[in-house]
Amino acid sequence: MALISVSNNALQNITAVPASVPSGALVLLSTQTASSSASLSFTSGIDSTYDSYVFKFINIHPQNDQINLTFQGSTDGGSNYNITMTTTFFWAYHNEADTQAVLGYFTGYDQAQGTGFQIITEAVGNANDENTCGTLQIFNPSSTTYVKHFLCRSQTSEGSGYSTDGYTAGYFNTTSAINAIQFKFSSGNIDDGIIKMYGVK
């Protein structure tokens, strides 16, 4: 591997990066805004243009109290969301009363070759100031050779007065290209919130 030298004396003086150095920039591709929506779906723009796609969900507020935000993928443009996946879920949480603090694996939220929607945030509260935020990244969804890995990190204000830091990971066990992603709550509508989809250069 060749080393690329920079002639500037300080990092703040660099005005351009050589083309051979990947920038890792996020390119905003699509934005979905919820308004009492049953789900938010991204059915275009997921293709071989980028090797990785990032979804940022911002202030997602549920209609119902203490329910889970979930997601699934599709290989047929969104006609069906039922790809087989194997997943893992663990969390850290702490309550407002400072009487409980836990870090642990939660077996009830993982899947072993399941086809259901995967839980990515837990027990989101529906009080006026409660919501969930986080980032989901899917790697090389257009591959027709490999399974498709994903990682999610979320922060939730739970309906029972907890701050929950959630970690979800897994893979879609398919060699078909994934070309659509859907988000929805385990019950009730998405009252409010935004999800943005980015391609990673």
Foldseek 3Di string as FASTA:
>chain_A
DDDDDDPDPDPVPDDDDDPVDFPQDWAFDDKDKDAQAQKDKDQADQAQPFQKKKKKWFFFAFPDFWWFKWKFFDLPSPPDGFFFKWKWKWKWKAFPVRPDTDTDTDVVQTDDRGRDTGTFDTGWGRPPPWGKIWMKMWGRLQALPAWIKMKIWMWTQHNVGMTMIMIMIITRHHSRHTRMMMMGIPDGGRNTIMMIMIGTD
